[in-house]
C-alpha atoms as a PDB file:
ATOM      1  CA  MET A   1     -42.593 -56.161 -46.708  1.00  0.00           C
ATOM      2  CA  ASN A   2     -45.297 -53.245 -45.674  1.00  0.00           C
ATOM      3  CA  SER A   3     -45.604 -50.565 -47.297  1.00  0.00           C
ATOM      4  CA  GLU A   4     -47.796 -48.069 -46.549  1.00  0.00           C
ATOM      5  CA  VAL A   5     -47.610 -48.406 -42.287  1.00  0.00           C
ATOM      6  CA  ILE A   6     -49.919 -47.107 -39.550  1.00  0.00           C
ATOM      7  CA  ILE A   7     -47.732 -46.196 -36.253  1.00  0.00           C
ATOM      8  CA  THR A   8     -49.222 -46.107 -32.087  1.00  0.00           C
ATOM      9  CA  CYS A   9     -48.361 -44.477 -30.273  1.00  0.00           C
ATOM     10  CA  ALA A  10     -48.492 -46.249 -26.471  1.00  0.00           C
ATOM     11  CA  LEU A  11     -49.053 -41.940 -24.380  1.00  0.00           C
ATOM     12  CA  THR A  12     -47.447 -43.847 -20.404  1.00  0.00           C
ATOM     13  CA  GLY A  13     -48.849 -47.080 -19.287  1.00  0.00           C
ATOM     14  CA  ALA A  14     -49.436 -48.033 -15.917  1.00  0.00           C
ATOM     15  CA  GLY A  15     -46.128 -48.886 -16.040  1.00  0.00           C
ATOM     16  CA  ASP A  16     -43.128 -47.557 -12.607  1.00  0.00           C
ATOM     17  CA  THR A  17     -42.586 -44.477 -15.161  1.00  0.00           C
ATOM     18  CA  VAL A  18     -42.948 -42.331 -13.271  1.00  0.00           C
ATOM     19  CA  GLY A  19     -39.559 -40.886 -11.734  1.00  0.00           C
ATOM     20  CA  LYS A  20     -37.358 -42.906 -14.003  1.00  0.00           C
ATOM     21  CA  HIS A  21     -37.915 -40.470 -16.842  1.00  0.00           C
ATOM     22  CA  PRO A  22     -38.600 -35.822 -16.402  1.00  0.00           C
ATOM     23  CA  ALA A  23     -41.899 -35.640 -18.292  1.00  0.00           C
ATOM     24  CA  ILE A  24     -43.993 -38.346 -17.994  1.00  0.00           C
ATOM     25  CA  PRO A  25     -47.498 -37.532 -19.023  1.00  0.00           C
ATOM     26  CA  VAL A  26     -49.819 -37.894 -16.047  1.00  0.00           C
ATOM     27  CA  THR A  27     -52.452 -35.291 -15.671  1.00  0.00           C
ATOM     28  CA  PRO A  28     -55.706 -35.721 -18.132  1.00  0.00           C
ATOM     29  CA  LYS A  29     -54.248 -31.900 -20.153  1.00  0.00           C
ATOM     30  CA  GLN A  30     -50.528 -33.818 -19.919  1.00  0.00           C
ATOM     31  CA  ILE A  31     -51.638 -37.110 -21.808  1.00  0.00           C
ATOM     32  CA  ALA A  32     -53.945 -34.738 -24.048  1.00  0.00           C
ATOM     33  CA  ASP A  33     -51.646 -33.066 -24.827  1.00  0.00           C
ATOM     34  CA  SER A  34     -48.785 -35.838 -25.637  1.00  0.00           C
ATOM     35  CA  ALA A  35     -51.969 -37.480 -27.697  1.00  0.00           C
ATOM     36  CA  ILE A  36     -51.775 -34.224 -30.087  1.00  0.00           C
ATOM     37  CA  GLU A  37     -48.563 -34.249 -30.093  1.00  0.00           C
ATOM     38  CA  ALA A  38     -48.033 -37.591 -31.073  1.00  0.00           C
ATOM     39  CA  ALA A  39     -49.881 -37.187 -33.829  1.00  0.00           C
ATOM     40  CA  LYS A  40     -48.786 -34.740 -35.701  1.00  0.00           C
ATOM     41  CA  ALA A  41     -45.499 -36.394 -35.576  1.00  0.00           C
ATOM     42  CA  GLY A  42     -46.927 -38.893 -37.634  1.00  0.00           C
ATOM     43  CA  ALA A  43     -49.160 -41.105 -35.458  1.00  0.00           C
ATOM     44  CA  ALA A  44     -52.453 -42.328 -36.948  1.00  0.00           C
ATOM     45  CA  ILE A  45     -53.650 -44.097 -33.381  1.00  0.00           C
ATOM     46  CA  VAL A  46     -52.811 -43.156 -29.756  1.00  0.00           C
ATOM     47  CA  HIS A  47     -53.216 -46.096 -27.426  1.00  0.00           C
ATOM     48  CA  ILE A  48     -54.615 -43.959 -24.230  1.00  0.00           C
ATOM     49  CA  HIS A  49     -53.399 -45.555 -20.159  1.00  0.00           C
ATOM     50  CA  VAL A  50     -54.778 -42.754 -17.170  1.00  0.00           C
ATOM     51  CA  ARG A  51     -52.452 -41.707 -14.480  1.00  0.00           C
ATOM     52  CA  ASP A  52     -54.158 -41.014 -11.339  1.00  0.00           C
ATOM     53  CA  PRO A  53     -52.547 -36.757 -10.894  1.00  0.00           C
ATOM     54  CA  GLU A  54     -51.597 -37.415  -7.081  1.00  0.00           C
ATOM     55  CA  THR A  55     -49.869 -39.772  -7.220  1.00  0.00           C
ATOM     56  CA  GLY A  56     -48.756 -41.168 -10.702  1.00  0.00           C
ATOM     57  CA  LYS A  57     -49.886 -44.550 -10.358  1.00  0.00           C
ATOM     58  CA  PRO A  58     -52.563 -46.212 -12.673  1.00  0.00           C
ATOM     59  CA  SER A  59     -55.834 -45.581 -12.237  1.00  0.00           C
ATOM     60  CA  ARG A  60     -58.942 -47.418 -13.538  1.00  0.00           C
ATOM     61  CA  ASP A  61     -60.776 -43.632 -12.780  1.00  0.00           C
ATOM     62  CA  PRO A  62     -63.317 -43.181 -15.916  1.00  0.00           C
ATOM     63  CA  GLU A  63     -63.523 -39.356 -15.006  1.00  0.00           C
ATOM     64  CA  LEU A  64     -60.170 -38.970 -15.680  1.00  0.00           C
ATOM     65  CA  PHE A  65     -60.741 -41.143 -19.098  1.00  0.00           C
ATOM     66  CA  ARG A  66     -63.268 -38.882 -19.669  1.00  0.00           C
ATOM     67  CA  GLU A  67     -61.279 -35.801 -19.913  1.00  0.00           C
ATOM     68  CA  THR A  68     -58.522 -36.875 -21.413  1.00  0.00           C
ATOM     69  CA  VAL A  69     -60.285 -37.868 -24.345  1.00  0.00           C
ATOM     70  CA  SER A  70     -62.811 -34.900 -23.955  1.00  0.00           C
ATOM     71  CA  ARG A  71     -59.379 -32.906 -24.450  1.00  0.00           C
ATOM     72  CA  VAL A  72     -57.813 -34.962 -27.641  1.00  0.00           C
ATOM     73  CA  ARG A  73     -61.353 -35.035 -29.171  1.00  0.00           C
ATOM     74  CA  GLU A  74     -61.758 -30.899 -28.444  1.00  0.00           C
ATOM     75  CA  SER A  75     -58.971 -30.326 -29.867  1.00  0.00           C
ATOM     76  CA  GLY A  76     -59.594 -30.504 -33.653  1.00  0.00           C
ATOM     77  CA  VAL A  77     -57.155 -33.348 -34.106  1.00  0.00           C
ATOM     78  CA  ASP A  78     -57.764 -36.635 -36.344  1.00  0.00           C
ATOM     79  CA  VAL A  79     -56.703 -39.139 -34.454  1.00  0.00           C
ATOM     80  CA  ILE A  80     -58.446 -43.183 -33.742  1.00  0.00           C
ATOM     81  CA  LEU A  81     -58.788 -42.788 -29.780  1.00  0.00           C
ATOM     82  CA  ASN A  82     -56.948 -46.820 -28.958  1.00  0.00           C
ATOM     83  CA  LEU A  83     -58.586 -47.181 -25.326  1.00  0.00           C
ATOM     84  CA  THR A  84     -56.915 -49.538 -22.916  1.00  0.00           C
ATOM     85  CA  GLY A  85     -59.025 -52.566 -21.522  1.00  0.00           C
ATOM     86  CA  GLY A  86     -56.523 -53.817 -19.537  1.00  0.00           C
ATOM     87  CA  MET A  87     -56.629 -52.770 -16.285  1.00  0.00           C
ATOM     88  CA  GLY A  88     -57.965 -54.124 -13.629  1.00  0.00           C
ATOM     89  CA  GLY A  89     -56.295 -57.787 -13.915  1.00  0.00           C
ATOM     90  CA  ASP A  90     -52.826 -58.123 -11.540  1.00  0.00           C
ATOM     91  CA  PHE A  91     -52.776 -59.857  -8.763  1.00  0.00           C
ATOM     92  CA  VAL A  92     -49.426 -60.005  -6.594  1.00  0.00           C
ATOM     93  CA  LEU A  93     -49.883 -63.018  -4.917  1.00  0.00           C
ATOM     94  CA  GLY A  94     -49.748 -62.706  -0.321  1.00  0.00           C
ATOM     95  CA  PRO A  95     -47.131 -64.001   1.564  1.00  0.00           C
ATOM     96  CA  ASP A  96     -46.440 -68.216   1.561  1.00  0.00           C
ATOM     97  CA  ASP A  97     -49.093 -68.410   4.018  1.00  0.00           C
ATOM     98  CA  ALA A  98     -52.050 -65.964   2.555  1.00  0.00           C
ATOM     99  CA  PRO A  99     -51.168 -66.749  -1.148  1.00  0.00           C
ATOM    100  CA  MET A 100     -54.562 -65.085  -2.231  1.00  0.00           C
ATOM    101  CA  SER A 101     -54.739 -62.499   0.104  1.00  0.00           C
ATOM    102  CA  GLY A 102     -53.446 -60.352  -2.232  1.00  0.00           C
ATOM    103  CA  GLY A 103     -50.144 -57.904  -1.846  1.00  0.00           C
ATOM    104  CA  PRO A 104     -49.257 -54.842  -3.033  1.00  0.00           C
ATOM    105  CA  GLY A 105     -50.477 -53.588  -7.143  1.00  0.00           C
ATOM    106  CA  THR A 106     -53.554 -55.816  -6.296  1.00  0.00           C
ATOM    107  CA  ASP A 107     -55.842 -54.631  -8.779  1.00  0.00           C
ATOM    108  CA  MET A 108     -58.678 -57.376  -9.521  1.00  0.00           C
ATOM    109  CA  VAL A 109     -62.224 -56.583 -11.338  1.00  0.00           C
ATOM    110  CA  GLY A 110     -65.186 -58.624 -13.172  1.00  0.00           C
ATOM    111  CA  PRO A 111     -64.703 -57.886 -17.050  1.00  0.00           C
ATOM    112  CA  LEU A 112     -67.188 -55.735 -17.461  1.00  0.00           C
ATOM    113  CA  GLU A 113     -65.547 -52.704 -14.877  1.00  0.00           C
ATOM    114  CA  ARG A 114     -62.774 -53.480 -16.902  1.00  0.00           C
ATOM    115  CA  MET A 115     -64.763 -51.777 -19.015  1.00  0.00           C
ATOM    116  CA  THR A 116     -66.426 -49.104 -17.994  1.00  0.00           C
ATOM    117  CA  HIS A 117     -65.108 -45.855 -19.779  1.00  0.00           C
ATOM    118  CA  VAL A 118     -65.248 -47.523 -22.916  1.00  0.00           C
ATOM    119  CA  THR A 119     -68.838 -47.923 -23.177  1.00  0.00           C
ATOM    120  CA  GLU A 120     -68.896 -44.796 -21.908  1.00  0.00           C
ATOM    121  CA  LEU A 121     -66.934 -43.113 -24.082  1.00  0.00           C
ATOM    122  CA  LEU A 122     -67.178 -45.656 -27.935  1.00  0.00           C
ATOM    123  CA  PRO A 123     -63.498 -45.237 -28.751  1.00  0.00           C
ATOM    124  CA  GLU A 124     -63.167 -46.361 -32.323  1.00  0.00           C
ATOM    125  CA  ILE A 125     -60.016 -49.330 -30.929  1.00  0.00           C
ATOM    126  CA  ALA A 126     -60.232 -50.618 -27.133  1.00  0.00           C
ATOM    127  CA  SER A 127     -57.412 -53.293 -26.463  1.00  0.00           C
ATOM    128  CA  LEU A 128     -58.256 -57.128 -25.394  1.00  0.00           C
ATOM    129  CA  ASP A 129     -54.900 -58.993 -23.474  1.00  0.00           C
ATOM    130  CA  CYS A 130     -55.457 -62.143 -24.933  1.00  0.00           C
ATOM    131  CA  GLY A 131     -54.300 -64.433 -22.023  1.00  0.00           C
ATOM    132  CA  THR A 132     -53.066 -64.709 -18.388  1.00  0.00           C
ATOM    133  CA  LEU A 133     -49.526 -63.585 -18.255  1.00  0.00           C
ATOM    134  CA  ASN A 134     -46.658 -64.143 -15.195  1.00  0.00           C
ATOM    135  CA  PHE A 135     -45.892 -60.123 -15.774  1.00  0.00           C
ATOM    136  CA  GLY A 136     -42.542 -59.618 -14.120  1.00  0.00           C
ATOM    137  CA  ASP A 137     -39.633 -61.351 -12.200  1.00  0.00           C
ATOM    138  CA  GLY A 138     -41.814 -61.608  -9.152  1.00  0.00           C
ATOM    139  CA  ASN A 139     -45.266 -62.514  -7.817  1.00  0.00           C
ATOM    140  CA  SER A 140     -47.466 -60.222  -9.904  1.00  0.00           C
ATOM    141  CA  ILE A 141     -49.509 -61.983 -12.631  1.00  0.00           C
ATOM    142  CA  TYR A 142     -51.671 -60.565 -15.363  1.00  0.00           C
ATOM    143  CA  ILE A 143     -55.186 -62.484 -14.983  1.00  0.00           C
ATOM    144  CA  SER A 144     -57.234 -62.336 -18.033  1.00  0.00           C
ATOM    145  CA  THR A 145     -59.298 -65.800 -18.421  1.00  0.00           C
ATOM    146  CA  PRO A 146     -61.374 -67.279 -21.373  1.00  0.00           C
ATOM    147  CA  ASN A 147     -64.397 -66.743 -20.118  1.00  0.00           C
ATOM    148  CA  TYR A 148     -63.454 -63.232 -19.014  1.00  0.00           C
ATOM    149  CA  LEU A 149     -62.006 -62.554 -22.728  1.00  0.00           C
ATOM    150  CA  ARG A 150     -65.648 -64.238 -23.722  1.00  0.00           C
ATOM    151  CA  ILE A 151     -68.014 -61.915 -21.968  1.00  0.00           C
ATOM    152  CA  MET A 152     -65.190 -58.816 -23.191  1.00  0.00           C
ATOM    153  CA  ALA A 153     -65.398 -58.761 -26.760  1.00  0.00           C
ATOM    154  CA  ALA A 154     -68.901 -59.654 -26.275  1.00  0.00           C
ATOM    155  CA  LYS A 155     -69.613 -56.464 -24.779  1.00  0.00           C
ATOM    156  CA  TYR A 156     -66.924 -54.799 -27.524  1.00  0.00           C
ATOM    157  CA  LYS A 157     -69.198 -56.648 -30.654  1.00  0.00           C
ATOM    158  CA  GLU A 158     -72.320 -54.499 -28.876  1.00  0.00           C
ATOM    159  CA  LEU A 159     -70.546 -50.972 -28.362  1.00  0.00           C
ATOM    160  CA  GLY A 160     -69.028 -51.667 -31.922  1.00  0.00           C
ATOM    161  CA  VAL A 161     -65.119 -51.147 -31.016  1.00  0.00           C
ATOM    162  CA  LYS A 162     -62.952 -52.358 -32.040  1.00  0.00           C
ATOM    163  CA  PRO A 163     -60.909 -54.397 -30.067  1.00  0.00           C
ATOM    164  CA  GLU A 164     -57.293 -54.248 -30.893  1.00  0.00           C
ATOM    165  CA  LEU A 165     -55.841 -57.355 -29.193  1.00  0.00           C
ATOM    166  CA  GLU A 166     -52.913 -57.416 -27.112  1.00  0.00           C
ATOM    167  CA  VAL A 167     -50.538 -61.209 -27.789  1.00  0.00           C
ATOM    168  CA  PHE A 168     -47.698 -61.852 -25.330  1.00  0.00           C
ATOM    169  CA  GLU A 169     -47.502 -65.436 -27.034  1.00  0.00           C
ATOM    170  CA  LEU A 170     -48.335 -67.985 -28.994  1.00  0.00           C
ATOM    171  CA  GLY A 171     -51.383 -69.449 -26.410  1.00  0.00           C
ATOM    172  CA  HIS A 172     -52.982 -65.990 -27.155  1.00  0.00           C
ATOM    173  CA  ILE A 173     -53.297 -65.764 -30.507  1.00  0.00           C
ATOM    174  CA  ARG A 174     -54.638 -69.836 -30.517  1.00  0.00           C
ATOM    175  CA  PHE A 175     -56.995 -68.329 -28.535  1.00  0.00           C
ATOM    176  CA  ALA A 176     -57.832 -65.270 -30.177  1.00  0.00           C
ATOM    177  CA  LYS A 177     -58.866 -67.953 -33.160  1.00  0.00           C
ATOM    178  CA  GLN A 178     -60.705 -69.664 -30.738  1.00  0.00           C
ATOM    179  CA  LEU A 179     -62.580 -66.350 -30.827  1.00  0.00           C
ATOM    180  CA  MET A 180     -62.615 -65.694 -34.276  1.00  0.00           C
ATOM    181  CA  ALA A 181     -64.704 -69.083 -33.885  1.00  0.00           C
ATOM    182  CA  GLU A 182     -67.449 -68.895 -31.793  1.00  0.00           C
ATOM    183  CA  GLY A 183     -68.188 -65.499 -33.399  1.00  0.00           C
ATOM    184  CA  LEU A 184     -67.199 -63.406 -30.461  1.00  0.00           C
ATOM    185  CA  LEU A 185     -65.015 -61.187 -32.691  1.00  0.00           C
ATOM    186  CA  THR A 186     -66.275 -60.132 -36.407  1.00  0.00           C
ATOM    187  CA  GLY A 187     -64.853 -58.414 -38.764  1.00  0.00           C
ATOM    188  CA  THR A 188     -61.070 -58.278 -39.621  1.00  0.00           C
ATOM    189  CA  PRO A 189     -59.067 -59.419 -36.500  1.00  0.00           C
ATOM    190  CA  LEU A 190     -56.416 -56.230 -35.420  1.00  0.00           C
ATOM    191  CA  PHE A 191     -53.043 -57.770 -33.646  1.00  0.00           C
ATOM    192  CA  GLN A 192     -51.091 -56.462 -31.418  1.00  0.00           C
ATOM    193  CA  ARG A 193     -47.781 -58.911 -30.851  1.00  0.00           C
ATOM    194  CA  CYS A 194     -46.473 -57.666 -27.601  1.00  0.00           C
ATOM    195  CA  LEU A 195     -42.269 -58.511 -26.988  1.00  0.00           C
ATOM    196  CA  GLY A 196     -39.772 -58.411 -24.284  1.00  0.00           C
ATOM    197  CA  ILE A 197     -42.147 -58.110 -21.192  1.00  0.00           C
ATOM    198  CA  PRO A 198     -40.982 -60.763 -18.760  1.00  0.00           C
ATOM    199  CA  TRP A 199     -42.199 -63.254 -19.332  1.00  0.00           C
ATOM    200  CA  GLY A 200     -43.918 -64.058 -22.568  1.00  0.00           C
ATOM    201  CA  ALA A 201     -42.266 -63.865 -25.876  1.00  0.00           C
ATOM    202  CA  PRO A 202     -38.795 -61.693 -26.316  1.00  0.00           C
ATOM    203  CA  ALA A 203     -38.581 -59.147 -28.722  1.00  0.00           C
ATOM    204  CA  ASP A 204     -36.130 -61.065 -31.566  1.00  0.00           C
ATOM    205  CA  SER A 205     -37.165 -61.777 -35.293  1.00  0.00           C
ATOM    206  CA  ILE A 206     -37.627 -65.472 -34.201  1.00  0.00           C
ATOM    207  CA  SER A 207     -40.645 -64.566 -32.264  1.00  0.00           C
ATOM    208  CA  MET A 208     -41.804 -61.390 -34.052  1.00  0.00           C
ATOM    209  CA  ARG A 209     -41.219 -64.007 -37.379  1.00  0.00           C
ATOM    210  CA  ALA A 210     -43.568 -67.006 -35.278  1.00  0.00           C
ATOM    211  CA  MET A 211     -46.290 -65.242 -34.200  1.00  0.00           C
ATOM    212  CA  MET A 212     -46.019 -63.542 -38.002  1.00  0.00           C
ATOM    213  CA  GLU A 213     -47.063 -66.627 -38.807  1.00  0.00           C
ATOM    214  CA  SER A 214     -49.831 -67.772 -35.832  1.00  0.00           C
ATOM    215  CA  LEU A 215     -52.208 -64.963 -37.222  1.00  0.00           C
ATOM    216  CA  PRO A 216     -55.341 -66.102 -39.115  1.00  0.00           C
ATOM    217  CA  ALA A 217     -54.374 -64.857 -42.648  1.00  0.00           C
ATOM    218  CA  GLY A 218     -55.131 -61.660 -43.496  1.00  0.00           C
ATOM    219  CA  SER A 219     -55.264 -60.218 -40.293  1.00  0.00           C
ATOM    220  CA  ASN A 220     -53.946 -56.106 -38.933  1.00  0.00           C
ATOM    221  CA  TRP A 221     -50.910 -56.226 -36.732  1.00  0.00           C
ATOM    222  CA  ALA A 222     -48.097 -54.618 -35.814  1.00  0.00           C
ATOM    223  CA  ALA A 223     -45.835 -55.085 -32.964  1.00  0.00           C
ATOM    224  CA  PHE A 224     -43.724 -53.714 -31.109  1.00  0.00           C
ATOM    225  CA  GLY A 225     -40.224 -54.330 -28.591  1.00  0.00           C
ATOM    226  CA  LEU A 226     -39.463 -52.658 -25.204  1.00  0.00           C
ATOM    227  CA  GLY A 227     -36.783 -51.132 -23.924  1.00  0.00           C
ATOM    228  CA  ARG A 228     -33.932 -50.606 -26.577  1.00  0.00           C
ATOM    229  CA  MET A 229     -36.050 -53.187 -28.674  1.00  0.00           C
ATOM    230  CA  GLU A 230     -38.112 -50.988 -29.907  1.00  0.00           C
ATOM    231  CA  MET A 231     -36.821 -49.160 -32.819  1.00  0.00           C
ATOM    232  CA  PRO A 232     -35.400 -52.639 -33.973  1.00  0.00           C
ATOM    233  CA  MET A 233     -38.901 -53.648 -33.359  1.00  0.00           C
ATOM    234  CA  VAL A 234     -39.874 -51.275 -35.559  1.00  0.00           C
ATOM    235  CA  ALA A 235     -37.729 -52.108 -38.787  1.00  0.00           C
ATOM    236  CA  GLN A 236     -38.479 -55.989 -37.916  1.00  0.00           C
ATOM    237  CA  ALA A 237     -41.973 -55.519 -37.272  1.00  0.00           C
ATOM    238  CA  ILE A 238     -41.976 -53.391 -41.189  1.00  0.00           C
ATOM    239  CA  LEU A 239     -40.387 -56.255 -42.480  1.00  0.00           C
ATOM    240  CA  LEU A 240     -42.669 -58.642 -42.833  1.00  0.00           C
ATOM    241  CA  GLY A 241     -45.458 -56.653 -43.567  1.00  0.00           C
ATOM    242  CA  GLY A 242     -46.999 -55.007 -40.553  1.00  0.00           C
ATOM    243  CA  ASN A 243     -47.229 -52.385 -38.785  1.00  0.00           C
ATOM    244  CA  VAL A 244     -45.260 -50.412 -35.412  1.00  0.00           C
ATOM    245  CA  ARG A 245     -46.434 -48.720 -31.547  1.00  0.00           C
ATOM    246  CA  VAL A 246     -43.418 -46.130 -30.312  1.00  0.00           C
ATOM    247  CA  GLY A 247     -44.179 -44.590 -27.130  1.00  0.00           C
ATOM    248  CA  LEU A 248     -43.262 -43.977 -23.857  1.00  0.00           C
ATOM    249  CA  GLU A 249     -45.248 -46.723 -22.364  1.00  0.00           C
ATOM    250  CA  ASP A 250     -42.885 -48.931 -23.829  1.00  0.00           C
ATOM    251  CA  ASN A 251     -39.693 -47.784 -23.957  1.00  0.00           C
ATOM    252  CA  LEU A 252     -38.201 -43.992 -22.144  1.00  0.00           C
ATOM    253  CA  TRP A 253     -35.118 -43.033 -23.951  1.00  0.00           C
ATOM    254  CA  LEU A 254     -34.230 -41.555 -27.705  1.00  0.00           C
ATOM    255  CA  GLU A 255     -30.738 -42.923 -27.123  1.00  0.00           C
ATOM    256  CA  ARG A 256     -28.707 -43.783 -23.999  1.00  0.00           C
ATOM    257  CA  GLY A 257     -28.911 -40.570 -21.700  1.00  0.00           C
ATOM    258  CA  VAL A 258     -31.666 -38.675 -23.617  1.00  0.00           C
ATOM    259  CA  PRO A 259     -34.951 -38.482 -22.247  1.00  0.00           C
ATOM    260  CA  ALA A 260     -37.574 -39.293 -25.658  1.00  0.00           C
ATOM    261  CA  SER A 261     -41.263 -37.890 -25.592  1.00  0.00           C
ATOM    262  CA  ASN A 262     -44.227 -39.354 -27.569  1.00  0.00           C
ATOM    263  CA  GLY A 263     -43.916 -37.290 -30.417  1.00  0.00           C
ATOM    264  CA  ALA A 264     -39.571 -37.657 -30.991  1.00  0.00           C
ATOM    265  CA  LEU A 265     -40.448 -41.199 -30.912  1.00  0.00           C
ATOM    266  CA  VAL A 266     -43.466 -41.323 -33.556  1.00  0.00           C
ATOM    267  CA  ASP A 267     -41.109 -38.802 -35.598  1.00  0.00           C
ATOM    268  CA  ARG A 268     -37.819 -41.978 -34.681  1.00  0.00           C
ATOM    269  CA  ALA A 269     -40.262 -44.259 -35.657  1.00  0.00           C
ATOM    270  CA  ALA A 270     -41.399 -42.611 -38.915  1.00  0.00           C
ATOM    271  CA  THR A 271     -37.634 -41.672 -40.321  1.00  0.00           C
ATOM    272  CA  ILE A 272     -37.448 -45.614 -39.850  1.00  0.00           C
ATOM    273  CA  ALA A 273     -40.002 -46.265 -42.309  1.00  0.00           C
ATOM    274  CA  THR A 274     -39.404 -43.329 -45.111  1.00  0.00           C
ATOM    275  CA  LEU A 275     -35.911 -44.636 -45.337  1.00  0.00           C
ATOM    276  CA  MET A 276     -37.695 -48.150 -45.841  1.00  0.00           C
ATOM    277  CA  GLY A 277     -39.279 -46.903 -48.324  1.00  0.00           C
ATOM    278  CA  ALA A 278     -42.734 -47.294 -47.060  1.00  0.00           C
ATOM    279  CA  LYS A 279     -45.577 -44.121 -46.414  1.00  0.00           C
ATOM    280  CA  VAL A 280     -46.528 -43.365 -43.538  1.00  0.00           C
ATOM    281  CA  LEU A 281     -50.966 -43.550 -42.799  1.00  0.00           C
ATOM    282  CA  GLY A 282     -53.322 -41.173 -41.724  1.00  0.00           C
ATOM    283  CA  ALA A 283     -55.863 -41.251 -38.798  1.00  0.00           C
ATOM    284  CA  ALA A 284     -58.161 -41.524 -42.273  1.00  0.00           C
ATOM    285  CA  GLU A 285     -56.011 -43.655 -44.390  1.00  0.00           C
ATOM    286  CA  SER A 286     -55.762 -45.593 -41.244  1.00  0.00           C
ATOM    287  CA  ARG A 287     -59.033 -46.454 -40.155  1.00  0.00           C
ATOM    288  CA  ARG A 288     -59.942 -47.496 -44.634  1.00  0.00           C
ATOM    289  CA  ARG A 289     -57.287 -49.907 -43.612  1.00  0.00           C
ATOM    290  CA  LEU A 290     -58.008 -50.958 -40.302  1.00  0.00           C
ATOM    291  CA  GLY A 291     -62.257 -52.136 -41.462  1.00  0.00           C
ATOM    292  CA  LEU A 292     -63.291 -48.569 -38.655  1.00  0.00           C
ATOM    293  CA  ASP A 293     -66.871 -48.302 -39.328  1.00  0.00           C
ATOM    294  CA  GLN A 294     -67.005 -45.124 -37.343  1.00  0.00           C
ATOM    295  CA  PRO A 295     -66.188 -42.196 -38.332  1.00  0.00           C
ATOM    296  CA  PRO A 296     -63.979 -39.546 -36.079  1.00  0.00           C
ATOM    297  CA  VAL A 297     -65.390 -38.732 -33.197  1.00  0.00           C
ATOM    298  CA  CYS A 298     -64.243 -35.467 -32.102  1.00  0.00           C
ATOM    299  CA  GLY A 299     -68.241 -34.277 -31.918  1.00  0.00           C
ATOM    300  CA  ARG A 300     -69.638 -37.572 -30.318  1.00  0.00           C
ATOM    301  CA  GLU A 301     -71.253 -35.795 -26.965  1.00  0.00           C
ATOM    302  CA  THR A 302     -68.724 -37.179 -24.131  1.00  0.00           C
ATOM    303  CA  ALA A 303     -70.287 -35.033 -21.263  1.00  0.00           C
ATOM    304  CA  GLY A 304     -71.116 -37.144 -17.609  1.00  0.00           C
END
């Protein structure tokens, strides 16, 4: 069991959740305020996506990331920033007679363009989705090829930003090990195991244990489950020696019929950890645990 737990809060994500919940963070101010709320509730790390303030749709706009990050840094709240590096890999097959035309929702760009905001804002952590996946139950594919991943991993290494290796199935862990063997990942790796996303590994004890046993020795890792499996996977991850992730990206409800907030989800996860006899680590302790060399970045220049 992990007796010192790091909580990550995934604040808003890129899913079609606006309108399904009364208070999904959308604007940079709302996302930053939610990050601060989560940190005060016990999250050491906040995982940040941004959305178009007018439509609520997911966005890669560097200016939206810049405003969100600036607001968090200027708040004086010490929290580790983890920016998504996963936007720009969505491909939706077109009609049967033109499948490569790209249907609604397609957003495909090259590996370095996916990282524009990371390069500009230099968070302590940013995510690296370690493979391609059938995403959802239609014609949507998330595309992250081996060569794209090599380019992104090399850029993270150059920037000194620690990649959070998001893995959705065992093959993704296998390729992350290949990146390590090629020298593109250095230091103790940080894995995020994403469970319950159709059609990756399911959110259950067998999958979590199998993925844990496949990790390189000494890895730092966390895990999460979607929807109603969010809190059961919190307990399971702690029992198996890992850290946890919660947040409105993964689950909208505190209980049946009760909309959650990021602060409430973090508080629930912290309560589970505490009742299990674990200590919840703050940002400074988490930096030491994860081997982050960067000091808190509140004072780093973020203006254009």
